[in-house]
Amino acid sequence: EGKLFNVNLIDESGEIRCTGFNEQLDKFYDMLEVNKVYY
């Protein structure tokens, strides 16, 4: 069993999908917010 989430990212060249599972979900889900910019 497990859990996951995904985000869509965009820069001036195009878009890409990024998925996080389990530990990565716990680490990054609350941190990532729609319309904000990240490295």
PDB file of all heavy atoms in Angstrom:
ATOM      1  N   GLU A   1       0.834  -1.191   0.000  1.00  0.00           N
ATOM      2  CA  GLU A   1       0.000   0.000   0.000  1.00  0.00           C
ATOM      3  C   GLU A   1       0.872   1.245   0.000  1.00  0.00           C
ATOM      4  O   GLU A   1       2.053   1.195   0.318  1.00  0.00           O
ATOM      5  CB  GLU A   1      -0.922   0.002   1.230  1.00  0.00           C
ATOM      6  CG  GLU A   1      -1.874  -1.175   1.295  1.00  0.00           C
ATOM      7  CD  GLU A   1      -2.748  -1.131   2.534  1.00  0.00           C
ATOM      8  OE1 GLU A   1      -2.433  -0.325   3.441  1.00  0.00           O
ATOM      9  OE2 GLU A   1      -3.737  -1.883   2.599  1.00  0.00           O
ATOM     10  N   GLY A   2       0.264   2.363  -0.343  1.00  0.00           N
ATOM     11  CA  GLY A   2       1.019   3.602  -0.343  1.00  0.00           C
ATOM     12  C   GLY A   2       0.130   4.783  -0.651  1.00  0.00           C
ATOM     13  O   GLY A   2      -1.081   4.666  -0.822  1.00  0.00           O
ATOM     14  N   LYS A   3       0.755   5.955  -0.737  1.00  0.00           N
ATOM     15  CA  LYS A   3       0.041   7.189  -1.051  1.00  0.00           C
ATOM     16  C   LYS A   3       0.902   8.015  -2.006  1.00  0.00           C
ATOM     17  O   LYS A   3       2.136   7.863  -2.055  1.00  0.00           O
ATOM     18  CB  LYS A   3      -0.265   7.975   0.220  1.00  0.00           C
ATOM     19  CG  LYS A   3       0.958   8.249   1.085  1.00  0.00           C
ATOM     20  CD  LYS A   3       0.579   8.877   2.409  1.00  0.00           C
ATOM     21  CE  LYS A   3       1.818   9.086   3.285  1.00  0.00           C
ATOM     22  NZ  LYS A   3       1.486   9.714   4.588  1.00  0.00           N
ATOM     23  N   LEU A   4       0.269   8.878  -2.756  1.00  0.00           N
ATOM     24  CA  LEU A   4       0.996   9.670  -3.746  1.00  0.00           C
ATOM     25  C   LEU A   4       0.259  10.967  -4.021  1.00  0.00           C
ATOM     26  O   LEU A   4      -0.922  11.122  -3.691  1.00  0.00           O
ATOM     27  CB  LEU A   4       1.186   8.885  -5.043  1.00  0.00           C
ATOM     28  CG  LEU A   4      -0.079   8.504  -5.834  1.00  0.00           C
ATOM     29  CD1 LEU A   4      -0.442   9.571  -6.857  1.00  0.00           C
ATOM     30  CD2 LEU A   4       0.116   7.176  -6.547  1.00  0.00           C
ATOM     31  N   PHE A   5       0.966  11.904  -4.637  1.00  0.00           N
ATOM     32  CA  PHE A   5       0.373  13.129  -5.165  1.00  0.00           C
ATOM     33  C   PHE A   5       1.225  13.569  -6.349  1.00  0.00           C
ATOM     34  O   PHE A   5       2.334  13.069  -6.580  1.00  0.00           O
ATOM     35  CB  PHE A   5       0.320  14.231  -4.102  1.00  0.00           C
ATOM     36  CG  PHE A   5       1.623  14.982  -3.924  1.00  0.00           C
ATOM     37  CD1 PHE A   5       1.757  16.288  -4.364  1.00  0.00           C
ATOM     38  CD2 PHE A   5       2.728  14.374  -3.328  1.00  0.00           C
ATOM     39  CE1 PHE A   5       2.949  16.984  -4.203  1.00  0.00           C
ATOM     40  CE2 PHE A   5       3.924  15.063  -3.163  1.00  0.00           C
ATOM     41  CZ  PHE A   5       4.028  16.372  -3.609  1.00  0.00           C
ATOM     42  N   ASN A   6       0.702  14.484  -7.148  1.00  0.00           N
ATOM     43  CA  ASN A   6       1.499  15.007  -8.249  1.00  0.00           C
ATOM     44  C   ASN A   6       1.244  16.490  -8.418  1.00  0.00           C
ATOM     45  O   ASN A   6       0.204  17.024  -8.011  1.00  0.00           O
ATOM     46  CB  ASN A   6       1.234  14.242  -9.556  1.00  0.00           C
ATOM     47  CG  ASN A   6      -0.213  14.299  -9.970  1.00  0.00           C
ATOM     48  OD1 ASN A   6      -0.710  15.319 -10.429  1.00  0.00           O
ATOM     49  ND2 ASN A   6      -0.920  13.181  -9.820  1.00  0.00           N
ATOM     50  N   VAL A   7       2.229  17.155  -9.006  1.00  0.00           N
ATOM     51  CA  VAL A   7       2.130  18.581  -9.332  1.00  0.00           C
ATOM     52  C   VAL A   7       2.497  18.764 -10.801  1.00  0.00           C
ATOM     53  O   VAL A   7       3.276  17.982 -11.366  1.00  0.00           O
ATOM     54  CB  VAL A   7       3.067  19.440  -8.455  1.00  0.00           C
ATOM     55  CG1 VAL A   7       2.608  19.449  -7.015  1.00  0.00           C
ATOM     56  CG2 VAL A   7       4.516  18.947  -8.553  1.00  0.00           C
ATOM     57  N   ASN A   8       1.909  19.779 -11.419  1.00  0.00           N
ATOM     58  CA  ASN A   8       2.298  20.189 -12.767  1.00  0.00           C
ATOM     59  C   ASN A   8       3.170  21.430 -12.655  1.00  0.00           C
ATOM     60  O   ASN A   8       2.831  22.373 -11.919  1.00  0.00           O
ATOM     61  CB  ASN A   8       1.080  20.498 -13.637  1.00  0.00           C
ATOM     62  CG  ASN A   8       0.327  19.240 -14.032  1.00  0.00           C
ATOM     63  OD1 ASN A   8       0.781  18.128 -13.770  1.00  0.00           O
ATOM     64  ND2 ASN A   8      -0.819  19.408 -14.645  1.00  0.00           N
ATOM     65  N   LEU A   9       4.276  21.435 -13.387  1.00  0.00           N
ATOM     66  CA  LEU A   9       5.241  22.526 -13.329  1.00  0.00           C
ATOM     67  C   LEU A   9       5.361  23.181 -14.698  1.00  0.00           C
ATOM     68  O   LEU A   9       5.261  22.504 -15.722  1.00  0.00           O
ATOM     69  CB  LEU A   9       6.615  22.002 -12.889  1.00  0.00           C
ATOM     70  CG  LEU A   9       6.654  21.146 -11.612  1.00  0.00           C
ATOM     71  CD1 LEU A   9       8.056  20.606 -11.381  1.00  0.00           C
ATOM     72  CD2 LEU A   9       6.185  21.952 -10.406  1.00  0.00           C
ATOM     73  N   ILE A  10       5.615  24.482 -14.720  1.00  0.00           N
ATOM     74  CA  ILE A  10       5.751  25.204 -15.986  1.00  0.00           C
ATOM     75  C   ILE A  10       6.900  26.203 -15.894  1.00  0.00           C
ATOM     76  O   ILE A  10       7.127  26.813 -14.847  1.00  0.00           O
ATOM     77  CB  ILE A  10       4.434  25.941 -16.344  1.00  0.00           C
ATOM     78  CG1 ILE A  10       4.482  26.502 -17.763  1.00  0.00           C
ATOM     79  CG2 ILE A  10       4.119  27.038 -15.347  1.00  0.00           C
ATOM     80  CD1 ILE A  10       3.149  27.066 -18.244  1.00  0.00           C
ATOM     81  N   ASP A  11       7.681  26.307 -16.974  1.00  0.00           N
ATOM     82  CA  ASP A  11       8.639  27.398 -17.132  1.00  0.00           C
ATOM     83  C   ASP A  11       8.452  27.975 -18.530  1.00  0.00           C
ATOM     84  O   ASP A  11       7.480  27.652 -19.220  1.00  0.00           O
ATOM     85  CB  ASP A  11      10.076  26.948 -16.850  1.00  0.00           C
ATOM     86  CG  ASP A  11      10.629  25.987 -17.905  1.00  0.00           C
ATOM     87  OD1 ASP A  11       9.927  25.726 -18.916  1.00  0.00           O
ATOM     88  OD2 ASP A  11      11.749  25.491 -17.726  1.00  0.00           O
ATOM     89  N   GLU A  12       9.371  28.822 -18.965  1.00  0.00           N
ATOM     90  CA  GLU A  12       9.185  29.500 -20.249  1.00  0.00           C
ATOM     91  C   GLU A  12       9.283  28.553 -21.437  1.00  0.00           C
ATOM     92  O   GLU A  12       8.870  28.889 -22.548  1.00  0.00           O
ATOM     93  CB  GLU A  12      10.214  30.626 -20.424  1.00  0.00           C
ATOM     94  CG  GLU A  12      11.668  30.171 -20.473  1.00  0.00           C
ATOM     95  CD  GLU A  12      12.278  29.963 -19.097  1.00  0.00           C
ATOM     96  OE1 GLU A  12      11.566  30.189 -18.093  1.00  0.00           O
ATOM     97  OE2 GLU A  12      13.461  29.588 -19.023  1.00  0.00           O
ATOM     98  N   SER A  13       9.773  27.323 -21.216  1.00  0.00           N
ATOM     99  CA  SER A  13       9.937  26.398 -22.346  1.00  0.00           C
ATOM    100  C   SER A  13       8.825  25.361 -22.445  1.00  0.00           C
ATOM    101  O   SER A  13       8.581  24.818 -23.516  1.00  0.00           O
ATOM    102  CB  SER A  13      11.291  25.669 -22.232  1.00  0.00           C
ATOM    103  OG  SER A  13      11.277  24.738 -21.162  1.00  0.00           O
ATOM    104  N   GLY A  14       8.125  25.055 -21.353  1.00  0.00           N
ATOM    105  CA  GLY A  14       7.103  24.024 -21.420  1.00  0.00           C
ATOM    106  C   GLY A  14       6.644  23.572 -20.040  1.00  0.00           C
ATOM    107  O   GLY A  14       6.949  24.212 -19.020  1.00  0.00           O
ATOM    108  N   GLU A  15       5.923  22.429 -19.998  1.00  0.00           N
ATOM    109  CA  GLU A  15       5.349  21.908 -18.762  1.00  0.00           C
ATOM    110  C   GLU A  15       5.816  20.475 -18.534  1.00  0.00           C
ATOM    111  O   GLU A  15       6.153  19.759 -19.477  1.00  0.00           O
ATOM    112  CB  GLU A  15       3.818  21.934 -18.831  1.00  0.00           C
ATOM    113  CG  GLU A  15       3.209  23.313 -18.952  1.00  0.00           C
ATOM    114  CD  GLU A  15       1.696  23.270 -19.070  1.00  0.00           C
ATOM    115  OE1 GLU A  15       1.193  23.170 -20.203  1.00  0.00           O
ATOM    116  OE2 GLU A  15       1.011  23.335 -18.033  1.00  0.00           O
ATOM    117  N   ILE A  16       5.808  20.054 -17.272  1.00  0.00           N
ATOM    118  CA  ILE A  16       6.170  18.685 -16.929  1.00  0.00           C
ATOM    119  C   ILE A  16       5.425  18.293 -15.649  1.00  0.00           C
ATOM    120  O   ILE A  16       5.085  19.155 -14.825  1.00  0.00           O
ATOM    121  CB  ILE A  16       7.697  18.531 -16.741  1.00  0.00           C
ATOM    122  CG1 ILE A  16       8.094  17.051 -16.741  1.00  0.00           C
ATOM    123  CG2 ILE A  16       8.169  19.235 -15.480  1.00  0.00           C
ATOM    124  CD1 ILE A  16       9.598  16.828 -16.825  1.00  0.00           C
ATOM    125  N   ARG A  17       5.165  16.999 -15.498  1.00  0.00           N
ATOM    126  CA  ARG A  17       4.471  16.460 -14.326  1.00  0.00           C
ATOM    127  C   ARG A  17       5.487  15.858 -13.368  1.00  0.00           C
ATOM    128  O   ARG A  17       6.448  15.209 -13.784  1.00  0.00           O
ATOM    129  CB  ARG A  17       3.477  15.397 -14.782  1.00  0.00           C
ATOM    130  CG  ARG A  17       2.559  14.835 -13.709  1.00  0.00           C
ATOM    131  CD  ARG A  17       1.525  13.957 -14.401  1.00  0.00           C
ATOM    132  NE  ARG A  17       0.487  13.471 -13.502  1.00  0.00           N
ATOM    133  CZ  ARG A  17       0.377  12.218 -13.104  1.00  0.00           C
ATOM    134  NH1 ARG A  17       1.257  11.315 -13.498  1.00  0.00           N
ATOM    135  NH2 ARG A  17      -0.605  11.852 -12.311  1.00  0.00           N
ATOM    136  N   CYS A  18       5.274  16.063 -12.070  1.00  0.00           N
ATOM    137  CA  CYS A  18       6.184  15.529 -11.055  1.00  0.00           C
ATOM    138  C   CYS A  18       5.342  14.814  -9.992  1.00  0.00           C
ATOM    139  O   CYS A  18       4.353  15.368  -9.493  1.00  0.00           O
ATOM    140  CB  CYS A  18       7.001  16.651 -10.422  1.00  0.00           C
ATOM    141  SG  CYS A  18       8.208  16.082  -9.202  1.00  0.00           S
ATOM    142  N   THR A  19       5.732  13.583  -9.627  1.00  0.00           N
ATOM    143  CA  THR A  19       4.971  12.761  -8.689  1.00  0.00           C
ATOM    144  C   THR A  19       5.804  12.448  -7.452  1.00  0.00           C
ATOM    145  O   THR A  19       7.007  12.167  -7.553  1.00  0.00           O
ATOM    146  CB  THR A  19       4.531  11.444  -9.359  1.00  0.00           C
ATOM    147  OG1 THR A  19       3.764  11.744 -10.523  1.00  0.00           O
ATOM    148  CG2 THR A  19       3.694  10.606  -8.417  1.00  0.00           C
ATOM    149  N   GLY A  20       5.165  12.486  -6.295  1.00  0.00           N
ATOM    150  CA  GLY A  20       5.822  12.134  -5.035  1.00  0.00           C
ATOM    151  C   GLY A  20       5.077  11.018  -4.327  1.00  0.00           C
ATOM    152  O   GLY A  20       3.839  11.038  -4.250  1.00  0.00           O
ATOM    153  N   PHE A  21       5.812  10.021  -3.806  1.00  0.00           N
ATOM    154  CA  PHE A  21       5.226   8.882  -3.104  1.00  0.00           C
ATOM    155  C   PHE A  21       5.639   8.911  -1.624  1.00  0.00           C
ATOM    156  O   PHE A  21       6.732   9.368  -1.274  1.00  0.00           O
ATOM    157  CB  PHE A  21       5.701   7.563  -3.713  1.00  0.00           C
ATOM    158  CG  PHE A  21       5.238   7.322  -5.124  1.00  0.00           C
ATOM    159  CD1 PHE A  21       5.969   7.797  -6.208  1.00  0.00           C
ATOM    160  CD2 PHE A  21       4.063   6.630  -5.374  1.00  0.00           C
ATOM    161  CE1 PHE A  21       5.546   7.570  -7.505  1.00  0.00           C
ATOM    162  CE2 PHE A  21       3.632   6.401  -6.669  1.00  0.00           C
ATOM    163  CZ  PHE A  21       4.377   6.874  -7.740  1.00  0.00           C
ATOM    164  N   ASN A  22       4.759   8.429  -0.779  1.00  0.00           N
ATOM    165  CA  ASN A  22       5.052   8.092   0.621  1.00  0.00           C
ATOM    166  C   ASN A  22       5.924   9.130   1.340  1.00  0.00           C
ATOM    167  O   ASN A  22       5.460  10.206   1.668  1.00  0.00           O
ATOM    168  CB  ASN A  22       5.670   6.700   0.681  1.00  0.00           C
ATOM    169  CG  ASN A  22       4.732   5.654   0.091  1.00  0.00           C
ATOM    170  OD1 ASN A  22       3.512   5.750   0.231  1.00  0.00           O
ATOM    171  ND2 ASN A  22       5.291   4.653  -0.582  1.00  0.00           N
ATOM    172  N   GLU A  23       7.243   8.808   1.581  1.00  0.00           N
ATOM    173  CA  GLU A  23       8.108   9.717   2.341  1.00  0.00           C
ATOM    174  C   GLU A  23       8.229  11.074   1.651  1.00  0.00           C
ATOM    175  O   GLU A  23       8.273  12.119   2.310  1.00  0.00           O
ATOM    176  CB  GLU A  23       9.506   9.108   2.530  1.00  0.00           C
ATOM    177  CG  GLU A  23       9.558   7.893   3.437  1.00  0.00           C
ATOM    178  CD  GLU A  23       9.164   6.614   2.701  1.00  0.00           C
ATOM    179  OE1 GLU A  23       8.938   6.686   1.473  1.00  0.00           O
ATOM    180  OE2 GLU A  23       9.063   5.561   3.355  1.00  0.00           O
ATOM    181  N   GLN A  24       8.311  11.068   0.323  1.00  0.00           N
ATOM    182  CA  GLN A  24       8.430  12.339  -0.388  1.00  0.00           C
ATOM    183  C   GLN A  24       7.137  13.155  -0.272  1.00  0.00           C
ATOM    184  O   GLN A  24       7.172  14.382  -0.221  1.00  0.00           O
ATOM    185  CB  GLN A  24       8.764  12.096  -1.869  1.00  0.00           C
ATOM    186  CG  GLN A  24      10.214  11.721  -2.118  1.00  0.00           C
ATOM    187  CD  GLN A  24      10.560  10.342  -1.568  1.00  0.00           C
ATOM    188  OE1 GLN A  24       9.841   9.371  -1.827  1.00  0.00           O
ATOM    189  NE2 GLN A  24      11.636  10.249  -0.801  1.00  0.00           N
ATOM    190  N   LEU A  25       6.010  12.454  -0.227  1.00  0.00           N
ATOM    191  CA  LEU A  25       4.737  13.158  -0.004  1.00  0.00           C
ATOM    192  C   LEU A  25       4.747  13.840   1.365  1.00  0.00           C
ATOM    193  O   LEU A  25       4.372  15.014   1.491  1.00  0.00           O
ATOM    194  CB  LEU A  25       3.580  12.174  -0.126  1.00  0.00           C
ATOM    195  CG  LEU A  25       2.162  12.743  -0.001  1.00  0.00           C
ATOM    196  CD1 LEU A  25       1.183  11.910  -0.840  1.00  0.00           C
ATOM    197  CD2 LEU A  25       1.675  12.763   1.451  1.00  0.00           C
ATOM    198  N   ASP A  26       5.180  13.117   2.386  1.00  0.00           N
ATOM    199  CA  ASP A  26       5.231  13.691   3.735  1.00  0.00           C
ATOM    200  C   ASP A  26       6.167  14.898   3.788  1.00  0.00           C
ATOM    201  O   ASP A  26       5.914  15.860   4.523  1.00  0.00           O
ATOM    202  CB  ASP A  26       5.707  12.645   4.744  1.00  0.00           C
ATOM    203  CG  ASP A  26       4.720  11.485   4.880  1.00  0.00           C
ATOM    204  OD1 ASP A  26       3.515  11.701   4.620  1.00  0.00           O
ATOM    205  OD2 ASP A  26       5.166  10.372   5.214  1.00  0.00           O
ATOM    206  N   LYS A  27       7.220  14.864   2.980  1.00  0.00           N
ATOM    207  CA  LYS A  27       8.235  15.900   3.036  1.00  0.00           C
ATOM    208  C   LYS A  27       7.854  17.149   2.253  1.00  0.00           C
ATOM    209  O   LYS A  27       8.114  18.284   2.695  1.00  0.00           O
ATOM    210  CB  LYS A  27       9.558  15.330   2.502  1.00  0.00           C
ATOM    211  CG  LYS A  27      10.738  16.287   2.586  1.00  0.00           C
ATOM    212  CD  LYS A  27      12.006  15.588   2.112  1.00  0.00           C
ATOM    213  CE  LYS A  27      13.218  16.508   2.202  1.00  0.00           C
ATOM    214  NZ  LYS A  27      14.454  15.832   1.724  1.00  0.00           N
ATOM    215  N   PHE A  28       7.201  16.963   1.076  1.00  0.00           N
ATOM    216  CA  PHE A  28       7.033  18.100   0.175  1.00  0.00           C
ATOM    217  C   PHE A  28       5.580  18.540  -0.052  1.00  0.00           C
ATOM    218  O   PHE A  28       5.359  19.621  -0.596  1.00  0.00           O
ATOM    219  CB  PHE A  28       7.650  17.766  -1.196  1.00  0.00           C
ATOM    220  CG  PHE A  28       9.129  17.560  -1.167  1.00  0.00           C
ATOM    221  CD1 PHE A  28       9.684  16.330  -1.528  1.00  0.00           C
ATOM    222  CD2 PHE A  28       9.982  18.585  -0.779  1.00  0.00           C
ATOM    223  CE1 PHE A  28      11.051  16.134  -1.523  1.00  0.00           C
ATOM    224  CE2 PHE A  28      11.360  18.396  -0.758  1.00  0.00           C
ATOM    225  CZ  PHE A  28      11.893  17.161  -1.129  1.00  0.00           C
ATOM    226  N   TYR A  29       4.594  17.740   0.367  1.00  0.00           N
ATOM    227  CA  TYR A  29       3.209  18.066  -0.005  1.00  0.00           C
ATOM    228  C   TYR A  29       2.777  19.426   0.549  1.00  0.00           C
ATOM    229  O   TYR A  29       2.230  20.266  -0.175  1.00  0.00           O
ATOM    230  CB  TYR A  29       2.248  16.975   0.481  1.00  0.00           C
ATOM    231  CG  TYR A  29       0.825  17.199  -0.002  1.00  0.00           C
ATOM    232  CD1 TYR A  29       0.439  16.800  -1.277  1.00  0.00           C
ATOM    233  CD2 TYR A  29      -0.125  17.832   0.805  1.00  0.00           C
ATOM    234  CE1 TYR A  29      -0.861  17.012  -1.743  1.00  0.00           C
ATOM    235  CE2 TYR A  29      -1.421  18.049   0.349  1.00  0.00           C
ATOM    236  CZ  TYR A  29      -1.773  17.640  -0.925  1.00  0.00           C
ATOM    237  OH  TYR A  29      -3.053  17.868  -1.375  1.00  0.00           O
ATOM    238  N   ASP A  30       2.980  19.657   1.837  1.00  0.00           N
ATOM    239  CA  ASP A  30       2.567  20.924   2.443  1.00  0.00           C
ATOM    240  C   ASP A  30       3.416  22.089   1.960  1.00  0.00           C
ATOM    241  O   ASP A  30       2.957  23.234   1.938  1.00  0.00           O
ATOM    242  CB  ASP A  30       2.640  20.829   3.970  1.00  0.00           C
ATOM    243  CG  ASP A  30       1.601  19.861   4.530  1.00  0.00           C
ATOM    244  OD1 ASP A  30       0.549  19.694   3.885  1.00  0.00           O
ATOM    245  OD2 ASP A  30       1.860  19.262   5.593  1.00  0.00           O
ATOM    246  N   MET A  31       4.643  21.811   1.568  1.00  0.00           N
ATOM    247  CA  MET A  31       5.558  22.869   1.133  1.00  0.00           C
ATOM    248  C   MET A  31       5.162  23.452  -0.221  1.00  0.00           C
ATOM    249  O   MET A  31       5.223  24.661  -0.436  1.00  0.00           O
ATOM    250  CB  MET A  31       6.979  22.307   1.054  1.00  0.00           C
ATOM    251  CG  MET A  31       7.984  23.238   0.413  1.00  0.00           C
ATOM    252  SD  MET A  31       9.564  22.380   0.168  1.00  0.00           S
ATOM    253  CE  MET A  31      10.498  23.642  -0.704  1.00  0.00           C
ATOM    254  N   LEU A  32       4.717  22.588  -1.155  1.00  0.00           N
ATOM    255  CA  LEU A  32       4.421  23.031  -2.507  1.00  0.00           C
ATOM    256  C   LEU A  32       3.042  23.677  -2.568  1.00  0.00           C
ATOM    257  O   LEU A  32       2.047  23.078  -2.147  1.00  0.00           O
ATOM    258  CB  LEU A  32       4.491  21.845  -3.478  1.00  0.00           C
ATOM    259  CG  LEU A  32       5.873  21.225  -3.663  1.00  0.00           C
ATOM    260  CD1 LEU A  32       5.778  19.948  -4.482  1.00  0.00           C
ATOM    261  CD2 LEU A  32       6.817  22.216  -4.329  1.00  0.00           C
ATOM    262  N   GLU A  33       2.984  24.896  -3.098  1.00  0.00           N
ATOM    263  CA  GLU A  33       1.738  25.638  -3.211  1.00  0.00           C
ATOM    264  C   GLU A  33       1.528  26.067  -4.660  1.00  0.00           C
ATOM    265  O   GLU A  33       2.477  26.432  -5.362  1.00  0.00           O
ATOM    266  CB  GLU A  33       1.753  26.875  -2.309  1.00  0.00           C
ATOM    267  CG  GLU A  33       1.871  26.561  -0.824  1.00  0.00           C
ATOM    268  CD  GLU A  33       1.839  27.816   0.024  1.00  0.00           C
ATOM    269  OE1 GLU A  33       1.162  28.790  -0.385  1.00  0.00           O
ATOM    270  OE2 GLU A  33       2.504  27.846   1.082  1.00  0.00           O
ATOM    271  N   VAL A  34       0.270  26.031  -5.093  1.00  0.00           N
ATOM    272  CA  VAL A  34      -0.069  26.411  -6.465  1.00  0.00           C
ATOM    273  C   VAL A  34       0.278  27.877  -6.700  1.00  0.00           C
ATOM    274  O   VAL A  34       0.056  28.731  -5.848  1.00  0.00           O
ATOM    275  CB  VAL A  34      -1.553  26.150  -6.742  1.00  0.00           C
ATOM    276  CG1 VAL A  34      -1.966  26.692  -8.103  1.00  0.00           C
ATOM    277  CG2 VAL A  34      -1.859  24.657  -6.673  1.00  0.00           C
ATOM    278  N   ASN A  35       0.857  28.150  -7.869  1.00  0.00           N
ATOM    279  CA  ASN A  35       1.243  29.475  -8.366  1.00  0.00           C
ATOM    280  C   ASN A  35       2.539  29.993  -7.768  1.00  0.00           C
ATOM    281  O   ASN A  35       2.969  31.090  -8.114  1.00  0.00           O
ATOM    282  CB  ASN A  35       0.126  30.504  -8.158  1.00  0.00           C
ATOM    283  CG  ASN A  35       0.165  31.599  -9.227  1.00  0.00           C
ATOM    284  OD1 ASN A  35       0.480  31.331 -10.382  1.00  0.00           O
ATOM    285  ND2 ASN A  35      -0.118  32.827  -8.835  1.00  0.00           N
ATOM    286  N   LYS A  36       3.183  29.230  -6.884  1.00  0.00           N
ATOM    287  CA  LYS A  36       4.482  29.644  -6.375  1.00  0.00           C
ATOM    288  C   LYS A  36       5.596  28.962  -7.174  1.00  0.00           C
ATOM    289  O   LYS A  36       5.390  27.943  -7.815  1.00  0.00           O
ATOM    290  CB  LYS A  36       4.602  29.332  -4.889  1.00  0.00           C
ATOM    291  CG  LYS A  36       3.715  30.226  -4.027  1.00  0.00           C
ATOM    292  CD  LYS A  36       4.065  30.122  -2.550  1.00  0.00           C
ATOM    293  CE  LYS A  36       3.241  31.115  -1.737  1.00  0.00           C
ATOM    294  NZ  LYS A  36       3.598  31.054  -0.299  1.00  0.00           N
ATOM    295  N   VAL A  37       6.804  29.542  -7.105  1.00  0.00           N
ATOM    296  CA  VAL A  37       7.940  29.097  -7.914  1.00  0.00           C
ATOM    297  C   VAL A  37       8.976  28.412  -7.028  1.00  0.00           C
ATOM    298  O   VAL A  37       9.260  28.882  -5.917  1.00  0.00           O
ATOM    299  CB  VAL A  37       8.566  30.289  -8.669  1.00  0.00           C
ATOM    300  CG1 VAL A  37       9.768  29.831  -9.496  1.00  0.00           C
ATOM    301  CG2 VAL A  37       7.528  30.948  -9.579  1.00  0.00           C
ATOM    302  N   TYR A  38       9.546  27.318  -7.550  1.00  0.00           N
ATOM    303  CA  TYR A  38      10.519  26.533  -6.792  1.00  0.00           C
ATOM    304  C   TYR A  38      11.653  26.079  -7.710  1.00  0.00           C
ATOM    305  O   TYR A  38      11.493  25.982  -8.930  1.00  0.00           O
ATOM    306  CB  TYR A  38       9.850  25.294  -6.169  1.00  0.00           C
ATOM    307  CG  TYR A  38       8.701  25.598  -5.247  1.00  0.00           C
ATOM    308  CD1 TYR A  38       7.415  25.780  -5.761  1.00  0.00           C
ATOM    309  CD2 TYR A  38       8.886  25.697  -3.872  1.00  0.00           C
ATOM    310  CE1 TYR A  38       6.345  26.060  -4.926  1.00  0.00           C
ATOM    311  CE2 TYR A  38       7.811  25.963  -3.031  1.00  0.00           C
ATOM    312  CZ  TYR A  38       6.544  26.155  -3.568  1.00  0.00           C
ATOM    313  OH  TYR A  38       5.497  26.425  -2.739  1.00  0.00           O
ATOM    314  N   TYR A  39      12.799  25.767  -7.081  1.00  0.00           N
ATOM    315  CA  TYR A  39      13.888  25.072  -7.765  1.00  0.00           C
ATOM    316  C   TYR A  39      13.731  23.575  -7.495  1.00  0.00           C
ATOM    317  O   TYR A  39      13.530  23.156  -6.351  1.00  0.00           O
ATOM    318  CB  TYR A  39      15.254  25.533  -7.243  1.00  0.00           C
ATOM    319  CG  TYR A  39      15.626  26.938  -7.638  1.00  0.00           C
ATOM    320  CD1 TYR A  39      15.555  27.978  -6.715  1.00  0.00           C
ATOM    321  CD2 TYR A  39      16.055  27.227  -8.928  1.00  0.00           C
ATOM    322  CE1 TYR A  39      15.906  29.271  -7.059  1.00  0.00           C
ATOM    323  CE2 TYR A  39      16.412  28.519  -9.289  1.00  0.00           C
ATOM    324  CZ  TYR A  39      16.330  29.533  -8.347  1.00  0.00           C
ATOM    325  OH  TYR A  39      16.674  30.807  -8.705  1.00  0.00           O
TER     326      TYR A  39
END
